[in-house]
């Protein structure tokens, strides 16, 4: 009665996952902003390369989150 109804389902995430998430979001946003800026300049090839640099940050974030998930 004192705990909220989904409290037993709460999972604890290790601190390194939060740090990697912050790093990945900063990296993705910086690469995307630079890519959009370069596409507007128009520097097509460097802009597309900068936009493609967002993918490794996303993959890094998913890999680290996958290691922190508890097996079912």
N, C-alpha and C. Protein backbone atom coordinates (compact mmCIF):
# COMPACT_ATOMS: atom_id res chain seq x y z
N UNK A 1 0.81 -1.18 0.00
CA UNK A 1 0.00 0.00 0.00
C UNK A 1 0.86 1.25 0.00
N UNK A 2 2.09 1.17 0.50
CA UNK A 2 2.94 2.35 0.52
C UNK A 2 3.77 2.49 -0.75
N UNK A 3 3.99 1.41 -1.48
CA UNK A 3 4.79 1.51 -2.70
C UNK A 3 3.87 1.65 -3.91
N UNK A 4 4.37 2.36 -4.95
CA UNK A 4 3.57 2.50 -6.17
C UNK A 4 3.37 1.17 -6.85
N UNK A 5 2.32 1.05 -7.71
CA UNK A 5 2.00 -0.24 -8.29
C UNK A 5 3.06 -0.78 -9.22
N UNK A 6 3.99 -0.19 -9.74
CA UNK A 6 4.98 -0.83 -10.61
C UNK A 6 6.34 -0.87 -9.99
N UNK A 7 6.43 -0.70 -8.68
CA UNK A 7 7.71 -0.57 -8.00
C UNK A 7 8.53 -1.85 -8.03
N UNK A 8 7.90 -3.01 -8.00
CA UNK A 8 8.65 -4.25 -8.00
C UNK A 8 9.27 -4.55 -9.37
N UNK A 9 8.85 -3.86 -10.41
CA UNK A 9 9.38 -4.07 -11.76
C UNK A 9 10.54 -3.13 -12.06
N UNK A 10 10.86 -2.23 -11.15
CA UNK A 10 11.92 -1.25 -11.39
C UNK A 10 13.27 -1.97 -11.44
N UNK A 11 14.08 -1.62 -12.44
CA UNK A 11 15.40 -2.21 -12.58
C UNK A 11 16.45 -1.17 -12.26
N UNK A 12 17.51 -1.57 -11.63
CA UNK A 12 18.60 -0.66 -11.32
C UNK A 12 19.60 -0.71 -12.46
N UNK A 13 19.98 0.47 -12.94
CA UNK A 13 20.92 0.58 -14.04
C UNK A 13 22.28 1.00 -13.48
N UNK A 14 23.36 0.35 -13.90
CA UNK A 14 24.69 0.74 -13.41
C UNK A 14 25.05 2.16 -13.84
N UNK A 15 25.88 2.84 -13.07
CA UNK A 15 26.22 4.23 -13.39
C UNK A 15 26.94 4.40 -14.73
N UNK A 16 27.74 3.40 -15.13
CA UNK A 16 28.45 3.56 -16.40
C UNK A 16 27.49 3.62 -17.59
N UNK A 17 26.32 3.01 -17.47
CA UNK A 17 25.35 3.08 -18.56
C UNK A 17 24.86 4.51 -18.72
N UNK A 18 24.62 5.20 -17.62
CA UNK A 18 24.19 6.60 -17.70
C UNK A 18 25.28 7.46 -18.33
N UNK A 19 26.53 7.21 -17.97
CA UNK A 19 27.62 8.00 -18.56
C UNK A 19 27.74 7.75 -20.06
N UNK A 20 27.60 6.49 -20.47
CA UNK A 20 27.69 6.19 -21.90
C UNK A 20 26.50 6.79 -22.64
N UNK A 21 25.32 6.77 -22.03
CA UNK A 21 24.16 7.40 -22.66
C UNK A 21 24.40 8.89 -22.88
N UNK A 22 24.93 9.56 -21.85
CA UNK A 22 25.20 11.00 -21.98
C UNK A 22 26.21 11.25 -23.09
N UNK A 23 27.30 10.49 -23.10
CA UNK A 23 28.32 10.63 -24.14
C UNK A 23 27.75 10.36 -25.52
N UNK A 24 26.94 9.32 -25.65
CA UNK A 24 26.38 8.96 -26.95
C UNK A 24 25.40 10.02 -27.44
N UNK A 25 24.57 10.53 -26.56
CA UNK A 25 23.60 11.56 -26.98
C UNK A 25 24.32 12.84 -27.38
N UNK A 26 25.36 13.23 -26.63
CA UNK A 26 26.14 14.41 -27.01
C UNK A 26 26.83 14.20 -28.35
N UNK A 27 27.41 13.02 -28.55
CA UNK A 27 28.08 12.73 -29.82
C UNK A 27 27.12 12.70 -30.99
N UNK A 28 25.96 12.06 -30.79
CA UNK A 28 24.98 12.01 -31.87
C UNK A 28 24.46 13.39 -32.21
N UNK A 29 24.17 14.20 -31.20
CA UNK A 29 23.62 15.53 -31.48
C UNK A 29 24.66 16.43 -32.14
N UNK A 30 25.92 16.35 -31.71
CA UNK A 30 26.96 17.16 -32.33
C UNK A 30 27.19 16.75 -33.78
N UNK A 31 27.24 15.46 -34.03
CA UNK A 31 27.45 14.98 -35.40
C UNK A 31 26.27 15.34 -36.30
N UNK A 32 25.06 15.20 -35.77
CA UNK A 32 23.88 15.54 -36.57
C UNK A 32 23.81 17.04 -36.85
N UNK A 33 24.12 17.85 -35.84
CA UNK A 33 24.09 19.31 -36.04
C UNK A 33 25.13 19.73 -37.07
N UNK A 34 26.33 19.18 -36.96
CA UNK A 34 27.38 19.51 -37.94
C UNK A 34 26.98 19.04 -39.33
N UNK A 35 26.41 17.84 -39.42
CA UNK A 35 25.98 17.32 -40.71
C UNK A 35 24.90 18.18 -41.35
N UNK A 36 23.92 18.59 -40.57
CA UNK A 36 22.85 19.45 -41.11
C UNK A 36 23.42 20.80 -41.54
N UNK A 37 24.32 21.35 -40.73
CA UNK A 37 24.95 22.62 -41.10
C UNK A 37 25.71 22.49 -42.41
N UNK A 38 26.48 21.41 -42.55
CA UNK A 38 27.26 21.23 -43.77
C UNK A 38 26.36 20.97 -44.98
N UNK A 39 25.22 20.35 -44.78
CA UNK A 39 24.30 20.15 -45.89
C UNK A 39 23.67 21.46 -46.33
N UNK A 40 23.50 22.38 -45.38
CA UNK A 40 22.93 23.68 -45.72
C UNK A 40 23.95 24.60 -46.40
N UNK A 41 25.23 24.34 -46.21
CA UNK A 41 26.28 25.24 -46.72
C UNK A 41 26.39 25.24 -48.24
N UNK A 42 26.30 24.45 -49.04
CA UNK A 42 26.20 23.03 -49.33
C UNK A 42 27.55 22.35 -49.52
N UNK A 43 27.93 21.60 -48.56
CA UNK A 43 29.08 20.71 -48.64
C UNK A 43 28.52 19.31 -48.45
N UNK A 44 28.09 18.71 -49.56
CA UNK A 44 27.31 17.47 -49.49
C UNK A 44 28.08 16.29 -48.91
N UNK A 45 29.27 16.05 -49.42
CA UNK A 45 30.01 14.86 -48.98
C UNK A 45 30.40 14.95 -47.50
N UNK A 46 31.01 16.05 -47.04
CA UNK A 46 31.30 16.13 -45.60
C UNK A 46 30.04 16.12 -44.73
N UNK A 47 28.95 16.68 -45.23
CA UNK A 47 27.70 16.67 -44.48
C UNK A 47 27.14 15.26 -44.31
N UNK A 48 27.19 14.48 -45.37
CA UNK A 48 26.72 13.10 -45.28
C UNK A 48 27.63 12.24 -44.40
N UNK A 49 28.93 12.52 -44.45
CA UNK A 49 29.86 11.80 -43.58
C UNK A 49 29.58 12.14 -42.12
N UNK A 50 29.33 13.42 -41.83
CA UNK A 50 29.03 13.82 -40.45
C UNK A 50 27.73 13.19 -39.98
N UNK A 51 26.74 13.12 -40.84
CA UNK A 51 25.48 12.47 -40.47
C UNK A 51 25.68 10.97 -40.24
N UNK A 52 26.55 10.37 -41.02
CA UNK A 52 26.83 8.94 -40.85
C UNK A 52 27.58 8.67 -39.54
N UNK A 53 28.25 9.68 -39.01
CA UNK A 53 28.98 9.51 -37.74
C UNK A 53 28.03 9.38 -36.55
N UNK A 54 26.76 9.62 -36.74
CA UNK A 54 25.81 9.42 -35.64
C UNK A 54 25.57 7.93 -35.39
N UNK A 55 25.75 7.11 -36.39
CA UNK A 55 25.45 5.68 -36.27
C UNK A 55 26.34 4.97 -35.25
N UNK A 56 27.68 5.21 -35.24
CA UNK A 56 28.49 4.52 -34.23
C UNK A 56 28.12 4.90 -32.79
N UNK A 57 27.71 6.14 -32.57
CA UNK A 57 27.29 6.55 -31.23
C UNK A 57 26.03 5.79 -30.82
N UNK A 58 25.10 5.61 -31.74
CA UNK A 58 23.88 4.88 -31.44
C UNK A 58 24.20 3.41 -31.14
N UNK A 59 25.08 2.83 -31.95
CA UNK A 59 25.44 1.42 -31.76
C UNK A 59 26.14 1.23 -30.41
N UNK A 60 27.03 2.17 -30.06
CA UNK A 60 27.71 2.09 -28.77
C UNK A 60 26.71 2.13 -27.62
N UNK A 61 25.74 3.02 -27.71
CA UNK A 61 24.73 3.12 -26.66
C UNK A 61 23.93 1.83 -26.54
N UNK A 62 23.52 1.26 -27.64
CA UNK A 62 22.73 0.02 -27.59
C UNK A 62 23.56 -1.15 -27.07
N UNK A 63 24.84 -1.23 -27.42
CA UNK A 63 25.69 -2.31 -26.93
C UNK A 63 25.86 -2.23 -25.41
N UNK A 64 26.09 -1.04 -24.90
CA UNK A 64 26.28 -0.89 -23.45
C UNK A 64 24.97 -1.16 -22.71
N UNK A 65 23.86 -0.69 -23.25
CA UNK A 65 22.58 -0.96 -22.61
C UNK A 65 22.26 -2.46 -22.64
N UNK A 66 22.68 -3.14 -23.69
CA UNK A 66 22.43 -4.58 -23.78
C UNK A 66 23.22 -5.37 -22.76
N UNK A 67 24.41 -4.90 -22.41
CA UNK A 67 25.18 -5.60 -21.39
C UNK A 67 24.62 -5.37 -19.99
N UNK A 68 23.92 -4.28 -19.80
CA UNK A 68 23.39 -3.95 -18.47
C UNK A 68 22.03 -4.59 -18.22
N UNK A 69 21.35 -5.09 -19.25
CA UNK A 69 20.04 -5.71 -19.07
C UNK A 69 20.18 -7.05 -18.39
N UNK A 70 19.24 -7.34 -17.52
CA UNK A 70 19.28 -8.62 -16.84
C UNK A 70 18.70 -9.72 -17.75
N UNK A 71 19.30 -10.89 -17.78
CA UNK A 71 18.76 -11.97 -18.61
C UNK A 71 17.42 -12.45 -18.06
N UNK A 72 16.55 -12.81 -18.96
CA UNK A 72 15.21 -13.25 -18.54
C UNK A 72 15.16 -14.74 -18.28
